[in-house]
Amino acid sequence: MVMAAILAPPRLHPAQMRRLARQMPPEAMHETVIRPLGGGDAKTLIATAPIDNFVEALFDQLSADDWATTLAAMHGVRRGTDTVLELGLPTHRKAQIALFEVFCRQPGSPRLDPKKIADKGMVIRRVHAGNRWDGWMKGPRAIGGWALLPDADADPGIRGNEAFHAANRAARQQIAARKPKVQFHEEVLPLHIVPPEICALRGRTILFGVIPVVSDERSSAAPPALNYATLAPSSRNPIVGHLSEYLKERPLTPMPRAGDPLRRKWNALDPIAPKPDGTQPPADAGRIQAFGKFLQQLILELDAFGGGPSGNALLAVLRDITLRVRDANKVARNIDAATFAQQAATILIERQPNTGDLIRMPDEWPKIDAALGARLTKAALDCLSARHATLSRSPGKFEVASDQFAVRGFIRVAGHEGCAEKLLWSGPSERFRVLPWWDGDGPGIKIALPDLSQLKRVKPNVAFEMPPALANLLGGDMKKLADGEGSTDGLQIGFLCSFSIPIITLCAFIVLNIFLGLFDLIFRWMLWIKICLPIPTVMPPPPAESDT
């Protein structure tokens, strides 16, 4: 019997295979769904749990028969008066978890084989006007901050090159080499697959991710400039009203204590009130205080003496104001307002001595007409703009209390051999806001204070190194120090002072309760901010009676 040899079909050249593949209809992609665990709506994607051991507790809940009921109790734990979900911080003892399930859209909805998931992650996005979204953009050396996403379903593209197919890895490297060095991408947070036995029990491939609602990141870019001079009248007018009357149009005004040497004991910034012995404040105390606030504004708010361009411009306008000052012999001389203000600030605000009584109060502040007043106000507003640019910084990731956010998850499903992966997005979660640090409803942290009978057992455990000037100041006359006349002169010896942190805490606690009681007269807040519960004193058990 003769058997014919069965020859294998000839192997096609790779170019022929590619040409035939282009002519064939594409093979249907396996349809996959990623959605909130349990198949609910957007309000079921985020779960809130106590932060203690929350991952193991979550796995235990998902393994239980009543998992759906316990999971439902973790949704929407706290909502504001506007029904927006509010998420607490780790300091509030809360953990925020995003839970997804992945399955195949086939009869019976079988779960997707985890091996088919080539990549997974989630993003936190900020609500932008017009139902659009901002993404938190980061780069290798800088943080771009929140930026509008042109396409909310675009591939975030963040993963290592090794995760891509070798055929296009080199192409991606060539493209990256042609792009600018600073390239921002949307931050992608990790998703994890729960243990396989839980996935098998629930019939779903379950993904979870911890939502980090606290971050110290902020944009590397400078914050938007704020020009006080061009604000709308509704915003500008209160700012101008806040400025000192010495920076606006005003009539000729006699100065308080004209011709007297300036004294730091005038206490130009102290509240105007009778002294404890009933002595009434001087009649010109109000005018002294107004002048002191003018000097304080020049130093702190406007930084007029800091040497910056805006501060120098304000001083240039003040130099157009001429003041007449009489010396001890009643001989008058002229001085410009900028020079006098800088000299007066060292005494009345910085509380330096008036050496030799050289600096005296002028007779009057001349009339400031409308034109000069407008120049003064404009220069002061420019100083505020410069000061704002110096002191402000870009807001942190979750720093703006009014911002609202949502979470989206994604997976990349591996395709057939030679086919690209398919990116699948979940829908966005319900919108949420992040609670500020002070607005938590979790249990308080208990700090045990030492009993008064145990104070001698409390040993110093922290040391403060005092430089000589501070040591001399604190070692001087406390009454003079309270009157602003303390001295830093003395021995040039520093000290290392040790204290006990529990004692510091106890002193702070006593002082706190004193001031809480005083401020309660104004705010009536004691009912909400202080809760004291009686607790029994734990007594040792009595000794057991002897059998003998």
Protein backbone atom coordinates (compact mmCIF):
# COMPACT_ATOMS: atom_id res chain seq x y z
CA MET A 1 0.00 0.00 0.00
CA VAL A 2 1.47 3.25 -1.07
CA MET A 3 0.84 6.25 1.16
CA ALA A 4 1.10 9.75 -0.25
CA ALA A 5 3.23 12.15 1.68
CA ILE A 6 1.28 15.02 3.18
CA LEU A 7 3.28 18.13 2.62
CA ALA A 8 2.97 21.19 4.86
CA PRO A 9 1.67 24.33 3.12
CA PRO A 10 4.44 26.66 2.07
CA ARG A 11 5.18 29.39 4.66
CA LEU A 12 4.33 32.84 3.36
CA HIS A 13 6.79 35.68 3.42
CA PRO A 14 6.08 38.17 6.31
CA ALA A 15 5.29 40.89 3.77
CA GLN A 16 2.69 38.64 2.14
CA MET A 17 1.18 37.87 5.54
CA ARG A 18 0.87 41.57 6.34
CA ARG A 19 -0.76 42.24 2.94
CA LEU A 20 -3.28 39.44 3.45
CA ALA A 21 -3.97 40.62 7.01
CA ARG A 22 -4.92 44.06 5.73
CA GLN A 23 -7.38 42.48 3.31
CA MET A 24 -9.06 40.33 5.96
CA PRO A 25 -11.87 41.76 8.13
CA PRO A 26 -10.57 42.64 11.63
CA GLU A 27 -11.26 40.13 14.37
CA ALA A 28 -13.79 41.45 16.85
CA MET A 29 -12.24 42.73 20.06
CA HIS A 30 -13.35 40.95 23.22
CA GLU A 31 -15.80 43.47 24.75
CA THR A 32 -14.95 44.29 28.34
CA VAL A 33 -16.60 46.52 30.96
CA ILE A 34 -15.05 48.35 33.93
CA ARG A 35 -17.57 49.85 36.32
CA PRO A 36 -18.23 50.38 40.06
CA LEU A 37 -18.16 47.16 42.06
CA GLY A 38 -21.66 45.76 42.34
CA GLY A 39 -22.88 47.35 39.13
CA GLY A 40 -24.27 50.48 40.76
CA ASP A 41 -24.18 54.07 39.58
CA ALA A 42 -21.50 56.74 40.10
CA LYS A 43 -22.44 57.06 43.78
CA THR A 44 -21.26 53.49 44.47
CA LEU A 45 -17.66 53.84 43.25
CA ILE A 46 -16.13 55.44 46.37
CA ALA A 47 -16.20 53.71 49.75
CA THR A 48 -15.12 55.25 53.07
CA ALA A 49 -13.62 53.02 55.73
CA PRO A 50 -11.90 53.46 59.11
CA ILE A 51 -8.21 53.85 58.36
CA ASP A 52 -7.03 51.18 60.79
CA ASN A 53 -6.10 48.02 58.88
CA PHE A 54 -8.55 48.99 56.15
CA VAL A 55 -7.10 46.78 53.36
CA GLU A 56 -7.43 43.54 55.32
CA ALA A 57 -10.84 44.65 56.57
CA LEU A 58 -11.92 45.30 52.97
CA PHE A 59 -10.81 41.84 51.85
CA ASP A 60 -12.67 40.29 54.78
CA GLN A 61 -15.85 42.20 53.87
CA LEU A 62 -15.67 41.13 50.22
CA SER A 63 -15.32 37.51 51.31
CA ALA A 64 -18.45 37.58 53.48
CA ASP A 65 -21.92 36.60 52.28
CA ASP A 66 -23.33 40.03 53.20
CA TRP A 67 -20.59 41.90 51.30
CA ALA A 68 -23.09 43.92 49.25
CA THR A 69 -24.86 45.20 52.37
CA THR A 70 -21.67 46.17 54.21
CA LEU A 71 -20.27 47.80 51.08
CA ALA A 72 -23.43 49.87 50.61
CA ALA A 73 -23.01 51.22 54.16
CA MET A 74 -19.57 52.56 53.13
CA HIS A 75 -20.98 54.72 50.31
CA GLY A 76 -21.84 58.39 50.85
CA VAL A 77 -20.78 58.36 54.50
CA ARG A 78 -20.76 62.16 54.73
CA ARG A 79 -22.50 64.71 52.53
CA GLY A 80 -22.67 68.48 52.76
CA THR A 81 -25.80 70.58 52.89
CA ASP A 82 -25.61 70.71 49.07
CA THR A 83 -25.57 66.85 48.97
CA VAL A 84 -22.00 66.81 47.60
CA LEU A 85 -19.92 63.91 48.92
CA GLU A 86 -17.28 65.03 51.45
CA LEU A 87 -14.15 62.93 51.92
CA GLY A 88 -12.12 63.10 55.13
CA LEU A 89 -8.36 63.05 55.50
CA PRO A 90 -6.17 60.34 57.04
CA THR A 91 -5.90 62.63 60.09
CA HIS A 92 -9.66 62.21 60.39
CA ARG A 93 -9.00 58.46 60.65
CA LYS A 94 -10.70 57.82 57.30
CA ALA A 95 -9.53 55.94 54.20
CA GLN A 96 -11.14 56.55 50.82
CA ILE A 97 -11.23 53.58 48.44
CA ALA A 98 -12.27 53.32 44.79
CA LEU A 99 -13.68 49.88 43.90
CA PHE A 100 -14.12 48.61 40.34
CA GLU A 101 -15.20 45.34 38.76
CA VAL A 102 -14.13 44.10 35.33
CA PHE A 103 -16.08 41.50 33.36
CA CYS A 104 -16.79 40.40 29.80
CA ARG A 105 -19.95 41.52 28.09
CA GLN A 106 -20.96 37.97 27.19
CA PRO A 107 -23.85 35.74 28.23
CA GLY A 108 -23.35 35.07 31.94
CA SER A 109 -21.00 38.07 32.27
CA PRO A 110 -17.86 36.03 32.99
CA ARG A 111 -15.06 37.87 34.74
CA LEU A 112 -12.06 38.99 32.77
CA ASP A 113 -8.94 36.92 33.20
CA PRO A 114 -6.51 39.17 35.16
CA LYS A 115 -3.75 38.03 32.81
CA LYS A 116 -5.54 39.92 30.04
CA ILE A 117 -5.07 43.22 31.91
CA ALA A 118 -1.89 44.73 30.50
CA ASP A 119 -2.14 47.92 32.55
CA LYS A 120 -4.47 49.54 35.09
CA GLY A 121 -4.75 52.79 37.00
CA MET A 122 -7.00 55.64 38.03
CA VAL A 123 -6.97 59.42 37.88
CA ILE A 124 -8.38 62.16 40.08
CA ARG A 125 -9.83 65.02 38.06
CA ARG A 126 -11.10 68.43 39.03
CA VAL A 127 -14.43 69.69 37.77
CA HIS A 128 -13.96 72.40 35.14
CA ALA A 129 -16.66 74.79 34.02
CA GLY A 130 -18.93 73.47 31.29
CA ASN A 131 -18.83 69.79 32.31
CA ARG A 132 -15.16 69.55 31.40
CA TRP A 133 -12.29 68.23 33.45
CA ASP A 134 -8.89 69.34 34.68
CA GLY A 135 -6.07 66.84 35.15
CA TRP A 136 -3.19 67.11 37.64
CA MET A 137 -0.20 67.49 35.33
CA LYS A 138 3.33 66.48 36.32
CA GLY A 139 6.70 66.33 34.64
CA PRO A 140 10.14 64.92 35.40
CA ARG A 141 11.36 68.12 37.04
CA ALA A 142 8.29 70.28 37.58
CA ILE A 143 4.59 70.15 38.42
CA GLY A 144 2.19 71.77 36.00
CA GLY A 145 -0.80 71.71 38.35
CA TRP A 146 -4.42 71.53 37.25
CA ALA A 147 -4.86 71.98 33.50
CA LEU A 148 -7.83 71.54 31.19
CA LEU A 149 -7.92 68.17 29.40
CA PRO A 150 -8.85 68.54 25.72
CA ASP A 151 -10.01 64.91 25.60
CA ALA A 152 -11.16 63.28 28.82
CA ASP A 153 -10.96 59.80 27.22
CA ALA A 154 -7.44 60.15 25.82
CA ASP A 155 -4.80 57.60 26.78
CA PRO A 156 -2.90 58.91 29.82
CA GLY A 157 0.14 57.08 28.38
CA ILE A 158 2.00 56.77 31.68
CA ARG A 159 3.90 53.56 32.16
CA GLY A 160 7.40 52.28 31.67
CA ASN A 161 8.72 51.65 28.14
CA GLU A 162 9.10 47.96 28.94
CA ALA A 163 5.32 47.67 29.18
CA PHE A 164 4.98 48.46 25.48
CA HIS A 165 5.49 45.99 22.69
CA ALA A 166 9.13 45.84 21.58
CA ALA A 167 8.13 46.77 18.03
CA ASN A 168 6.97 50.27 18.97
CA ARG A 169 9.23 50.86 21.98
CA ALA A 170 12.01 52.26 19.79
CA ALA A 171 9.54 54.47 17.93
CA ARG A 172 8.29 55.92 21.21
CA GLN A 173 11.85 56.65 22.28
CA GLN A 174 12.50 58.51 19.02
CA ILE A 175 9.33 60.56 19.44
CA ALA A 176 10.23 61.39 23.05
CA ALA A 177 13.68 62.55 21.97
CA ARG A 178 12.13 65.15 19.64
CA LYS A 179 9.81 66.57 22.27
CA PRO A 180 10.77 69.31 24.76
CA LYS A 181 12.56 68.14 27.87
CA VAL A 182 9.82 69.45 30.19
CA GLN A 183 6.73 67.50 29.21
CA PHE A 184 3.75 67.27 31.52
CA HIS A 185 1.50 64.25 31.77
CA GLU A 186 -1.56 63.48 33.85
CA GLU A 187 -0.81 61.85 37.17
CA VAL A 188 -1.92 58.22 37.26
CA LEU A 189 -2.57 56.47 40.56
CA PRO A 190 -2.20 52.73 41.04
CA LEU A 191 -5.00 50.18 41.00
CA HIS A 192 -4.57 46.74 42.56
CA ILE A 193 -6.32 43.41 42.02
CA VAL A 194 -7.85 41.87 45.11
CA PRO A 195 -6.72 38.29 45.94
CA PRO A 196 -7.76 35.74 43.26
CA GLU A 197 -9.86 33.66 45.63
CA ILE A 198 -12.07 36.70 46.36
CA CYS A 199 -12.40 37.45 42.63
CA ALA A 200 -13.44 33.83 42.02
CA LEU A 201 -15.94 33.97 44.90
CA ARG A 202 -17.57 37.16 43.62
CA GLY A 203 -17.36 36.18 39.94
CA ARG A 204 -15.68 39.47 39.07
CA THR A 205 -12.14 40.68 38.66
CA ILE A 206 -12.12 43.34 41.39
CA LEU A 207 -9.76 46.33 41.37
CA PHE A 208 -9.25 48.75 44.23
CA GLY A 209 -7.24 51.91 44.71
CA VAL A 210 -6.67 54.25 47.63
CA ILE A 211 -7.74 57.81 46.84
CA PRO A 212 -5.04 60.17 48.19
CA VAL A 213 -7.07 63.17 49.32
CA VAL A 214 -4.10 64.87 50.97
CA SER A 215 -1.07 66.18 49.10
CA ASP A 216 1.64 68.79 49.61
CA GLU A 217 2.17 69.14 45.87
CA ARG A 218 1.56 72.48 44.20
CA SER A 219 2.19 73.87 40.75
CA SER A 220 5.75 74.96 40.00
CA ALA A 221 4.40 77.90 38.00
CA ALA A 222 3.96 81.30 39.60
CA PRO A 223 0.40 82.09 40.72
CA PRO A 224 -1.66 84.43 38.55
CA ALA A 225 -0.68 88.06 39.02
CA LEU A 226 -3.08 90.24 40.99
CA ASN A 227 -3.12 93.89 39.99
CA TYR A 228 -4.80 95.81 42.81
CA ALA A 229 -4.93 99.02 40.77
CA THR A 230 -7.11 97.48 38.04
CA LEU A 231 -9.58 95.66 40.26
CA ALA A 232 -13.27 96.26 39.71
CA PRO A 233 -14.64 99.09 41.87
CA SER A 234 -16.51 96.61 44.09
CA SER A 235 -13.19 94.99 45.00
CA ARG A 236 -10.91 98.02 44.75
CA ASN A 237 -12.88 100.41 46.92
CA PRO A 238 -12.66 98.32 50.13
CA ILE A 239 -8.90 97.96 49.59
CA VAL A 240 -8.49 101.71 49.17
CA GLY A 241 -10.64 102.23 52.26
CA HIS A 242 -8.27 100.00 54.18
CA LEU A 243 -5.25 102.13 53.28
CA SER A 244 -4.08 104.74 55.78
CA GLU A 245 -5.44 108.28 55.41
CA TYR A 246 -1.82 109.38 54.94
CA LEU A 247 -1.91 107.63 51.54
CA LYS A 248 -4.91 109.51 50.16
CA GLU A 249 -6.23 112.97 49.46
CA ARG A 250 -6.67 114.85 52.76
CA PRO A 251 -6.74 118.39 54.20
CA LEU A 252 -3.92 120.00 56.15
CA THR A 253 -3.73 118.17 59.50
CA PRO A 254 -1.86 119.23 62.69
CA MET A 255 0.34 116.42 63.96
CA PRO A 256 -0.01 115.14 67.55
CA ARG A 257 2.71 116.19 70.01
CA ALA A 258 4.27 118.52 67.43
CA GLY A 259 7.91 119.28 68.15
CA ASP A 260 8.27 116.54 70.79
CA PRO A 261 10.96 113.86 70.39
CA LEU A 262 9.47 110.55 69.31
CA ARG A 263 9.31 107.97 72.08
CA ARG A 264 8.82 104.22 71.75
CA LYS A 265 6.83 104.27 75.03
CA TRP A 266 4.08 106.12 73.18
CA ASN A 267 2.97 102.60 72.19
CA ALA A 268 1.52 103.82 68.95
CA LEU A 269 -0.16 100.50 68.10
CA ASP A 270 -1.68 99.72 71.50
CA PRO A 271 -5.48 99.68 71.86
CA ILE A 272 -6.92 102.92 73.18
CA ALA A 273 -8.42 102.02 76.55
CA PRO A 274 -8.20 103.16 80.19
CA LYS A 275 -5.35 101.71 82.20
CA PRO A 276 -6.08 99.22 85.02
CA ASP A 277 -5.77 102.02 87.58
CA GLY A 278 -8.50 103.98 85.77
CA THR A 279 -6.19 106.50 84.11
CA GLN A 280 -7.69 107.70 80.84
CA PRO A 281 -5.60 107.60 77.63
CA PRO A 282 -4.18 110.90 76.36
CA ALA A 283 -6.48 113.04 74.24
CA ASP A 284 -4.24 112.63 71.20
CA ALA A 285 -3.94 108.85 71.54
CA GLY A 286 -6.19 108.30 68.53
CA ARG A 287 -4.04 110.49 66.27
CA ILE A 288 -0.86 108.79 67.53
CA GLN A 289 -2.41 105.42 66.75
CA ALA A 290 -3.47 106.51 63.24
CA PHE A 291 0.08 107.63 62.50
CA GLY A 292 1.45 104.37 63.93
CA LYS A 293 -0.84 102.31 61.70
CA PHE A 294 0.39 104.32 58.71
CA LEU A 295 3.99 103.41 59.56
CA GLN A 296 3.06 99.79 60.21
CA GLN A 297 1.34 99.63 56.82
CA LEU A 298 4.43 101.00 55.11
CA ILE A 299 6.59 98.30 56.73
CA LEU A 300 4.44 95.19 56.66
CA GLU A 301 1.80 95.44 53.96
CA LEU A 302 3.54 97.68 51.43
CA ASP A 303 7.20 96.80 52.10
CA ALA A 304 8.01 100.41 51.30
CA PHE A 305 11.47 100.21 52.87
CA GLY A 306 12.39 96.85 51.37
CA GLY A 307 14.25 98.28 48.38
CA GLY A 308 11.92 96.87 45.73
CA PRO A 309 10.84 98.86 42.65
CA SER A 310 7.27 99.40 43.87
CA GLY A 311 8.43 100.41 47.35
CA ASN A 312 10.94 102.86 45.92
CA ALA A 313 8.22 104.33 43.70
CA LEU A 314 6.01 104.93 46.76
CA LEU A 315 8.88 106.58 48.63
CA ALA A 316 9.51 108.80 45.59
CA VAL A 317 5.94 110.10 45.84
CA LEU A 318 6.29 110.63 49.60
CA ARG A 319 9.41 112.70 48.96
CA ASP A 320 7.20 115.25 47.20
CA ILE A 321 5.64 115.97 50.59
CA THR A 322 7.63 118.46 52.67
CA LEU A 323 7.31 118.49 56.46
CA ARG A 324 8.43 121.24 58.84
CA VAL A 325 10.16 120.07 62.04
CA ARG A 326 11.40 122.25 64.94
CA ASP A 327 14.43 121.23 66.94
CA ALA A 328 15.00 121.76 70.68
CA ASN A 329 15.80 125.43 70.05
CA LYS A 330 12.55 125.91 68.06
CA VAL A 331 14.55 126.28 64.87
CA ALA A 332 12.53 124.92 61.96
CA ARG A 333 13.92 122.73 59.23
CA ASN A 334 12.35 120.84 56.34
CA ILE A 335 12.35 117.08 55.82
CA ASP A 336 10.58 115.00 53.20
CA ALA A 337 7.84 112.61 54.32
CA ALA A 338 9.68 109.50 53.09
CA THR A 339 12.76 110.18 55.20
CA PHE A 340 10.73 111.11 58.26
CA ALA A 341 8.48 108.02 57.94
CA GLN A 342 11.50 105.73 57.80
CA GLN A 343 13.05 107.39 60.87
CA ALA A 344 9.78 107.37 62.80
CA ALA A 345 9.16 103.69 62.01
CA THR A 346 12.37 102.63 63.74
CA ILE A 347 11.16 104.25 66.98
CA LEU A 348 7.37 103.89 67.04
CA ILE A 349 7.10 100.48 65.35
CA GLU A 350 10.48 98.78 65.75
CA ARG A 351 10.78 100.35 69.22
CA GLN A 352 14.38 101.50 68.92
CA PRO A 353 15.58 104.38 71.16
CA ASN A 354 15.53 107.94 69.82
CA THR A 355 19.23 108.62 70.29
CA GLY A 356 19.88 112.24 71.22
CA ASP A 357 16.24 113.24 70.65
CA LEU A 358 17.13 113.94 67.02
CA ILE A 359 13.84 112.75 65.55
CA ARG A 360 10.90 114.98 66.42
CA MET A 361 7.27 115.13 65.38
CA PRO A 362 6.60 117.68 62.59
CA ASP A 363 4.15 120.52 63.09
CA GLU A 364 1.63 119.40 60.53
CA TRP A 365 0.96 117.11 57.59
CA PRO A 366 0.36 119.37 54.58
CA LYS A 367 -2.70 119.25 52.40
CA ILE A 368 -2.74 116.39 49.91
CA ASP A 369 -4.66 117.46 46.81
CA ALA A 370 -6.56 115.09 44.53
CA ALA A 371 -3.69 114.61 42.08
CA LEU A 372 -1.09 113.82 44.74
CA GLY A 373 -3.58 111.67 46.64
CA ALA A 374 -4.26 109.63 43.51
CA ARG A 375 -0.52 109.14 42.98
CA LEU A 376 -0.08 108.00 46.59
CA THR A 377 -2.98 105.56 46.36
CA LYS A 378 -1.83 104.18 43.01
CA ALA A 379 1.71 103.66 44.34
CA ALA A 380 0.36 101.94 47.46
CA LEU A 381 -1.82 99.61 45.35
CA ASP A 382 1.20 98.77 43.18
CA CYS A 383 3.08 97.89 46.37
CA LEU A 384 0.24 95.55 47.35
CA SER A 385 0.44 93.88 43.94
CA ALA A 386 4.18 93.32 44.33
CA ARG A 387 3.75 92.15 47.91
CA HIS A 388 1.06 89.69 46.86
CA ALA A 389 3.32 88.26 44.15
CA THR A 390 6.10 87.80 46.71
CA LEU A 391 4.05 86.22 49.49
CA SER A 392 1.49 84.21 47.55
CA ARG A 393 2.09 80.86 45.94
CA SER A 394 0.16 78.54 43.70
CA PRO A 395 -2.55 76.68 45.61
CA GLY A 396 -1.92 73.08 46.52
CA LYS A 397 -3.58 70.14 44.83
CA PHE A 398 -6.56 70.02 47.22
CA GLU A 399 -6.13 73.41 48.89
CA VAL A 400 -9.07 75.30 47.36
CA ALA A 401 -12.07 74.40 49.51
CA SER A 402 -14.63 75.03 46.74
CA ASP A 403 -13.01 72.63 44.24
CA GLN A 404 -14.87 69.44 43.38
CA PHE A 405 -13.32 66.26 42.02
CA ALA A 406 -14.14 62.85 40.58
CA VAL A 407 -12.31 59.55 40.12
CA ARG A 408 -12.04 57.50 36.92
CA GLY A 409 -10.42 54.13 36.49
CA PHE A 410 -9.00 52.55 33.35
CA ILE A 411 -7.55 49.28 32.14
CA ARG A 412 -5.68 48.25 29.02
CA VAL A 413 -6.84 44.88 27.78
CA ALA A 414 -4.31 42.81 25.89
CA GLY A 415 -5.46 42.01 22.36
CA HIS A 416 -4.72 39.09 20.09
CA GLU A 417 -1.18 38.47 18.96
CA GLY A 418 -0.07 41.34 16.82
CA CYS A 419 -3.02 43.53 17.86
CA ALA A 420 -2.83 46.66 19.93
CA GLU A 421 -4.15 46.85 23.47
CA LYS A 422 -7.55 48.37 24.04
CA LEU A 423 -7.98 51.22 26.53
CA LEU A 424 -11.19 51.12 28.56
CA TRP A 425 -12.35 53.89 30.90
CA SER A 426 -14.88 53.65 33.68
CA GLY A 427 -17.38 56.40 34.08
CA PRO A 428 -16.55 59.18 36.57
CA SER A 429 -17.49 58.76 40.19
CA GLU A 430 -19.88 61.13 41.84
CA ARG A 431 -18.36 64.51 42.48
CA PHE A 432 -16.76 65.09 45.85
CA ARG A 433 -14.90 67.73 47.81
CA VAL A 434 -12.03 67.25 50.24
CA LEU A 435 -12.64 68.32 53.81
CA PRO A 436 -10.21 70.82 55.36
CA TRP A 437 -7.93 69.54 58.11
CA TRP A 438 -10.03 71.06 60.89
CA ASP A 439 -13.38 69.65 59.71
CA GLY A 440 -13.27 66.03 60.80
CA ASP A 441 -15.91 63.95 62.52
CA GLY A 442 -13.63 61.11 63.58
CA PRO A 443 -12.81 60.28 67.20
CA GLY A 444 -10.32 62.56 68.87
CA ILE A 445 -6.77 61.54 69.73
CA LYS A 446 -6.39 61.07 73.46
CA ILE A 447 -3.41 62.73 75.18
CA ALA A 448 -2.89 61.77 78.82
CA LEU A 449 -1.75 64.63 81.06
CA PRO A 450 0.34 63.89 84.15
CA ASP A 451 -1.33 64.02 87.54
CA LEU A 452 -0.26 66.94 89.74
CA SER A 453 1.16 64.49 92.25
CA GLN A 454 3.44 63.08 89.53
CA LEU A 455 5.00 66.33 88.31
CA LYS A 456 8.30 65.66 90.08
CA ARG A 457 8.66 62.47 88.06
CA VAL A 458 8.42 64.31 84.74
CA LYS A 459 11.94 64.83 83.45
CA PRO A 460 13.10 67.35 80.80
CA ASN A 461 13.13 65.77 77.34
CA VAL A 462 13.53 68.72 74.99
CA ALA A 463 16.14 71.50 74.97
CA PHE A 464 16.01 75.05 73.61
CA GLU A 465 19.24 76.82 72.70
CA MET A 466 18.93 80.54 73.46
CA PRO A 467 21.31 83.08 71.88
CA PRO A 468 22.75 85.75 74.20
CA ALA A 469 20.41 88.56 73.06
CA LEU A 470 17.28 86.50 73.78
CA ALA A 471 18.68 85.27 77.11
CA ASN A 472 19.40 88.87 78.20
CA LEU A 473 15.94 89.99 77.14
CA LEU A 474 14.13 87.24 79.06
CA GLY A 475 16.47 87.58 82.05
CA GLY A 476 15.76 91.29 82.46
CA ASP A 477 12.98 93.21 84.19
CA MET A 478 9.68 91.59 83.15
CA LYS A 479 7.76 94.81 83.76
CA LYS A 480 10.02 96.74 81.42
CA LEU A 481 9.74 93.91 78.91
CA ALA A 482 5.94 94.18 79.06
CA ASP A 483 6.23 97.94 78.48
CA GLY A 484 8.40 97.39 75.43
CA GLU A 485 11.55 98.57 77.17
CA GLY A 486 13.35 95.27 77.57
CA SER A 487 17.06 95.24 76.77
CA THR A 488 19.19 92.72 74.93
CA ASP A 489 22.39 94.17 76.40
CA GLY A 490 24.36 92.11 78.90
CA LEU A 491 26.67 89.15 79.05
CA GLN A 492 27.26 87.56 75.68
CA ILE A 493 26.50 84.07 76.94
CA GLY A 494 24.02 81.67 75.43
CA PHE A 495 22.04 79.09 77.39
CA LEU A 496 20.74 75.59 76.76
CA CYS A 497 17.40 75.29 78.57
CA SER A 498 15.77 71.88 79.00
CA PHE A 499 12.05 71.43 79.50
CA SER A 500 9.57 68.62 79.64
CA ILE A 501 7.14 68.30 76.73
CA PRO A 502 4.38 66.97 79.04
CA ILE A 503 4.82 70.04 81.28
CA ILE A 504 4.74 72.33 78.23
CA THR A 505 1.55 70.55 77.17
CA LEU A 506 0.05 70.93 80.64
CA CYS A 507 0.84 74.67 80.76
CA ALA A 508 -0.59 75.15 77.27
CA PHE A 509 -3.72 73.22 78.30
CA ILE A 510 -4.25 75.44 81.35
CA VAL A 511 -3.72 78.64 79.35
CA LEU A 512 -6.00 77.31 76.60
CA ASN A 513 -8.86 76.77 79.03
CA ILE A 514 -8.41 80.26 80.47
CA PHE A 515 -8.64 81.88 77.04
CA LEU A 516 -11.46 79.61 75.89
CA GLY A 517 -13.51 80.91 78.78
CA LEU A 518 -12.69 84.53 77.92
CA PHE A 519 -13.45 84.17 74.22
CA ASP A 520 -16.66 82.31 74.98
CA LEU A 521 -18.07 85.65 76.10
CA ILE A 522 -17.80 86.73 72.44
CA PHE A 523 -18.20 83.59 70.33
CA ARG A 524 -20.36 81.41 72.56
CA TRP A 525 -18.50 78.40 71.22
CA MET A 526 -17.84 76.36 74.36
CA LEU A 527 -20.82 74.12 73.65
CA TRP A 528 -19.22 72.80 70.44
CA ILE A 529 -15.46 73.02 70.88
CA LYS A 530 -15.00 71.51 74.33
CA ILE A 531 -16.54 68.27 75.49
CA CYS A 532 -15.51 66.95 78.88
CA LEU A 533 -16.87 63.58 80.01
CA PRO A 534 -16.48 62.24 83.53
CA ILE A 535 -14.40 59.09 83.72
CA PRO A 536 -13.97 56.84 86.75
CA THR A 537 -10.62 56.77 88.45
CA VAL A 538 -9.16 53.32 87.95
CA MET A 539 -8.41 51.93 91.39
CA PRO A 540 -6.21 48.88 91.99
CA PRO A 541 -8.12 45.78 93.10
CA PRO A 542 -8.05 45.08 96.83
CA PRO A 543 -5.49 42.49 97.91
CA ALA A 544 -6.79 38.95 98.11
CA GLU A 545 -7.59 37.71 101.60
CA SER A 546 -5.23 35.16 103.00
CA ASP A 547 -6.53 31.64 103.69
CA THR A 548 -4.56 31.46 106.88
